[in-house]
Amino acid sequence: MAKKLLNVYLAGPMTNCSERQKTVWRKRVKDELKHEFKCLDPTDPSAQKGALAVTADIEQADVVIANMWRESIGTTIGIVQAKRMGIPVILIDQHCLDSPILKSLVGDCIVHSEEAAVNKLRND
């Protein structure tokens, strides 16, 4: 029997971002995790669009990786939604925004690179 892959939702800024800003980091993470996890990517052309689709994807997630490369209201709302549902969140804070609000939401699950997020996911 095949082992069920855990679902990882890839949260990050989307509004007022270029396609490159939205997709490049997600592609790198998906490529790194493709044999171990199923990545739920809101930028995937086959993904349903809109806030309700994002909400449904987060509800299906076992873990959320949130790349907060810049402040994002939508990403913060996704983090709150995940935490309310008991879904662990790994926050990538590569520019050291050092937000007390985000710290209060994710605790010690803050890393500073995509590589560190992938390693934390694999090891925790």
C-alpha atoms as a PDB file:
ATOM      1  CA  MET A   1       0.000   0.000   0.000  1.00  0.00           C
ATOM      2  CA  ALA A   2       1.374   3.425  -0.975  1.00  0.00           C
ATOM      3  CA  LYS A   3       2.245   5.829   1.788  1.00  0.00           C
ATOM      4  CA  LYS A   4      -0.009   8.908   1.863  1.00  0.00           C
ATOM      5  CA  LEU A   5       1.945  12.080   1.174  1.00  0.00           C
ATOM      6  CA  LEU A   6       1.349  14.957   3.578  1.00  0.00           C
ATOM      7  CA  ASN A   7      -0.146  18.119   2.058  1.00  0.00           C
ATOM      8  CA  VAL A   8       1.958  21.273   2.331  1.00  0.00           C
ATOM      9  CA  TYR A   9       0.284  24.582   1.471  1.00  0.00           C
ATOM     10  CA  LEU A  10       2.695  27.190   0.059  1.00  0.00           C
ATOM     11  CA  ALA A  11       1.537  30.577   1.343  1.00  0.00           C
ATOM     12  CA  GLY A  12       3.095  33.867   0.372  1.00  0.00           C
ATOM     13  CA  PRO A  13       2.395  37.318  -1.016  1.00  0.00           C
ATOM     14  CA  MET A  14       0.383  37.415  -4.245  1.00  0.00           C
ATOM     15  CA  THR A  15      -1.282  40.833  -4.481  1.00  0.00           C
ATOM     16  CA  ASN A  16       0.764  43.369  -6.444  1.00  0.00           C
ATOM     17  CA  CYS A  17       3.467  40.756  -7.131  1.00  0.00           C
ATOM     18  CA  SER A  18       4.907  39.800 -10.494  1.00  0.00           C
ATOM     19  CA  GLU A  19       4.444  36.244 -11.750  1.00  0.00           C
ATOM     20  CA  ARG A  20       8.109  35.644 -10.982  1.00  0.00           C
ATOM     21  CA  GLN A  21       7.724  36.840  -7.369  1.00  0.00           C
ATOM     22  CA  LYS A  22       4.704  34.575  -6.899  1.00  0.00           C
ATOM     23  CA  THR A  23       6.021  31.449  -8.568  1.00  0.00           C
ATOM     24  CA  VAL A  24       9.819  31.102  -8.472  1.00  0.00           C
ATOM     25  CA  TRP A  25      10.203  30.332  -4.768  1.00  0.00           C
ATOM     26  CA  ARG A  26       7.197  27.984  -4.851  1.00  0.00           C
ATOM     27  CA  LYS A  27       8.703  26.060  -7.771  1.00  0.00           C
ATOM     28  CA  ARG A  28      11.996  25.634  -5.911  1.00  0.00           C
ATOM     29  CA  VAL A  29      10.217  24.313  -2.807  1.00  0.00           C
ATOM     30  CA  LYS A  30       7.949  22.026  -4.851  1.00  0.00           C
ATOM     31  CA  ASP A  31      10.943  20.600  -6.723  1.00  0.00           C
ATOM     32  CA  GLU A  32      12.716  19.938  -3.433  1.00  0.00           C
ATOM     33  CA  LEU A  33       9.696  18.251  -1.817  1.00  0.00           C
ATOM     34  CA  LYS A  34       8.089  16.482  -4.799  1.00  0.00           C
ATOM     35  CA  HIS A  35       8.943  12.934  -3.702  1.00  0.00           C
ATOM     36  CA  GLU A  36       8.034  13.377  -0.036  1.00  0.00           C
ATOM     37  CA  PHE A  37       5.072  15.768   0.118  1.00  0.00           C
ATOM     38  CA  LYS A  38       2.164  16.985  -1.991  1.00  0.00           C
ATOM     39  CA  CYS A  39       2.416  20.752  -2.387  1.00  0.00           C
ATOM     40  CA  LEU A  40      -0.748  22.813  -2.622  1.00  0.00           C
ATOM     41  CA  ASP A  41       0.233  25.822  -4.721  1.00  0.00           C
ATOM     42  CA  PRO A  42      -2.252  28.675  -5.236  1.00  0.00           C
ATOM     43  CA  THR A  43      -0.272  29.815  -8.315  1.00  0.00           C
ATOM     44  CA  ASP A  44      -0.633  26.471 -10.088  1.00  0.00           C
ATOM     45  CA  PRO A  45      -2.568  27.090 -13.312  1.00  0.00           C
ATOM     46  CA  SER A  46      -4.894  24.176 -12.509  1.00  0.00           C
ATOM     47  CA  ALA A  47      -5.647  25.496  -8.993  1.00  0.00           C
ATOM     48  CA  GLN A  48      -8.964  27.156  -8.308  1.00  0.00           C
ATOM     49  CA  LYS A  49      -8.564  30.886  -7.772  1.00  0.00           C
ATOM     50  CA  GLY A  50      -9.868  33.262  -5.151  1.00  0.00           C
ATOM     51  CA  ALA A  51     -10.039  33.585  -1.390  1.00  0.00           C
ATOM     52  CA  LEU A  52     -12.444  30.664  -0.972  1.00  0.00           C
ATOM     53  CA  ALA A  53     -10.135  28.353  -2.923  1.00  0.00           C
ATOM     54  CA  VAL A  54      -7.185  29.376  -0.737  1.00  0.00           C
ATOM     55  CA  THR A  55      -9.278  28.722   2.369  1.00  0.00           C
ATOM     56  CA  ALA A  56     -10.200  25.256   1.089  1.00  0.00           C
ATOM     57  CA  ASP A  57      -6.555  24.461   0.266  1.00  0.00           C
ATOM     58  CA  ILE A  58      -5.382  25.525   3.726  1.00  0.00           C
ATOM     59  CA  GLU A  59      -8.082  23.314   5.262  1.00  0.00           C
ATOM     60  CA  GLN A  60      -6.622  20.348   3.313  1.00  0.00           C
ATOM     61  CA  ALA A  61      -3.070  21.095   4.448  1.00  0.00           C
ATOM     62  CA  ASP A  62      -1.158  19.121   7.040  1.00  0.00           C
ATOM     63  CA  VAL A  63       1.466  21.897   7.216  1.00  0.00           C
ATOM     64  CA  VAL A  64       1.758  25.445   5.854  1.00  0.00           C
ATOM     65  CA  ILE A  65       5.022  26.956   4.679  1.00  0.00           C
ATOM     66  CA  ALA A  66       4.528  30.725   4.625  1.00  0.00           C
ATOM     67  CA  ASN A  67       7.192  32.713   2.798  1.00  0.00           C
ATOM     68  CA  MET A  68       6.869  36.232   4.191  1.00  0.00           C
ATOM     69  CA  TRP A  69       9.490  37.817   1.927  1.00  0.00           C
ATOM     70  CA  ARG A  70       7.447  40.981   2.351  1.00  0.00           C
ATOM     71  CA  GLU A  71       4.527  41.892   4.553  1.00  0.00           C
ATOM     72  CA  SER A  72       1.273  40.432   3.294  1.00  0.00           C
ATOM     73  CA  ILE A  73      -2.197  40.722   4.771  1.00  0.00           C
ATOM     74  CA  GLY A  74      -3.457  37.696   2.836  1.00  0.00           C
ATOM     75  CA  THR A  75      -0.552  35.520   3.961  1.00  0.00           C
ATOM     76  CA  THR A  76      -1.067  36.619   7.565  1.00  0.00           C
ATOM     77  CA  ILE A  77      -4.763  35.728   7.327  1.00  0.00           C
ATOM     78  CA  GLY A  78      -3.780  32.301   5.959  1.00  0.00           C
ATOM     79  CA  ILE A  79      -1.402  31.800   8.891  1.00  0.00           C
ATOM     80  CA  VAL A  80      -4.154  32.731  11.360  1.00  0.00           C
ATOM     81  CA  GLN A  81      -6.575  30.349   9.628  1.00  0.00           C
ATOM     82  CA  ALA A  82      -4.066  27.495   9.767  1.00  0.00           C
ATOM     83  CA  LYS A  83      -3.218  28.096  13.422  1.00  0.00           C
ATOM     84  CA  ARG A  84      -6.920  28.212  14.376  1.00  0.00           C
ATOM     85  CA  MET A  85      -7.317  24.816  12.731  1.00  0.00           C
ATOM     86  CA  GLY A  86      -4.286  23.392  14.534  1.00  0.00           C
ATOM     87  CA  ILE A  87      -2.220  23.199  11.348  1.00  0.00           C
ATOM     88  CA  PRO A  88       1.495  23.830  11.959  1.00  0.00           C
ATOM     89  CA  VAL A  89       3.060  26.789  10.148  1.00  0.00           C
ATOM     90  CA  ILE A  90       6.708  27.196   9.195  1.00  0.00           C
ATOM     91  CA  LEU A  91       7.379  30.877   8.543  1.00  0.00           C
ATOM     92  CA  ILE A  92      10.190  31.939   6.222  1.00  0.00           C
ATOM     93  CA  ASP A  93      11.283  35.419   7.351  1.00  0.00           C
ATOM     94  CA  GLN A  94      14.226  35.889   5.001  1.00  0.00           C
ATOM     95  CA  HIS A  95      14.413  39.663   5.424  1.00  0.00           C
ATOM     96  CA  CYS A  96      14.107  39.487   9.219  1.00  0.00           C
ATOM     97  CA  LEU A  97      10.843  41.431   9.400  1.00  0.00           C
ATOM     98  CA  ASP A  98      10.903  40.272  13.013  1.00  0.00           C
ATOM     99  CA  SER A  99       7.186  40.914  13.473  1.00  0.00           C
ATOM    100  CA  PRO A 100       5.937  40.413  17.050  1.00  0.00           C
ATOM    101  CA  ILE A 101       2.512  39.490  15.634  1.00  0.00           C
ATOM    102  CA  LEU A 102       3.962  36.742  13.457  1.00  0.00           C
ATOM    103  CA  LYS A 103       6.146  35.518  16.332  1.00  0.00           C
ATOM    104  CA  SER A 104       3.063  35.241  18.533  1.00  0.00           C
ATOM    105  CA  LEU A 105       1.326  33.189  15.833  1.00  0.00           C
ATOM    106  CA  VAL A 106       4.076  30.762  14.846  1.00  0.00           C
ATOM    107  CA  GLY A 107       6.323  30.672  17.915  1.00  0.00           C
ATOM    108  CA  ASP A 108       9.686  29.112  17.243  1.00  0.00           C
ATOM    109  CA  CYS A 109       8.770  27.896  13.757  1.00  0.00           C
ATOM    110  CA  ILE A 110      10.553  30.813  12.097  1.00  0.00           C
ATOM    111  CA  VAL A 111      13.408  30.223   9.671  1.00  0.00           C
ATOM    112  CA  HIS A 112      15.297  32.548   7.355  1.00  0.00           C
ATOM    113  CA  SER A 113      15.497  30.589   4.085  1.00  0.00           C
ATOM    114  CA  GLU A 114      13.574  28.174   1.892  1.00  0.00           C
ATOM    115  CA  GLU A 115      16.242  25.549   2.557  1.00  0.00           C
ATOM    116  CA  ALA A 116      15.804  25.907   6.321  1.00  0.00           C
ATOM    117  CA  ALA A 117      12.005  25.590   5.921  1.00  0.00           C
ATOM    118  CA  VAL A 118      12.392  22.388   3.898  1.00  0.00           C
ATOM    119  CA  ASN A 119      14.829  20.984   6.483  1.00  0.00           C
ATOM    120  CA  LYS A 120      12.491  21.902   9.363  1.00  0.00           C
ATOM    121  CA  LEU A 121       9.585  20.242   7.564  1.00  0.00           C
ATOM    122  CA  ARG A 122      11.581  17.076   7.004  1.00  0.00           C
ATOM    123  CA  ASN A 123      12.959  16.930  10.551  1.00  0.00           C
ATOM    124  CA  ASP A 124       9.873  17.894  12.573  1.00  0.00           C
END
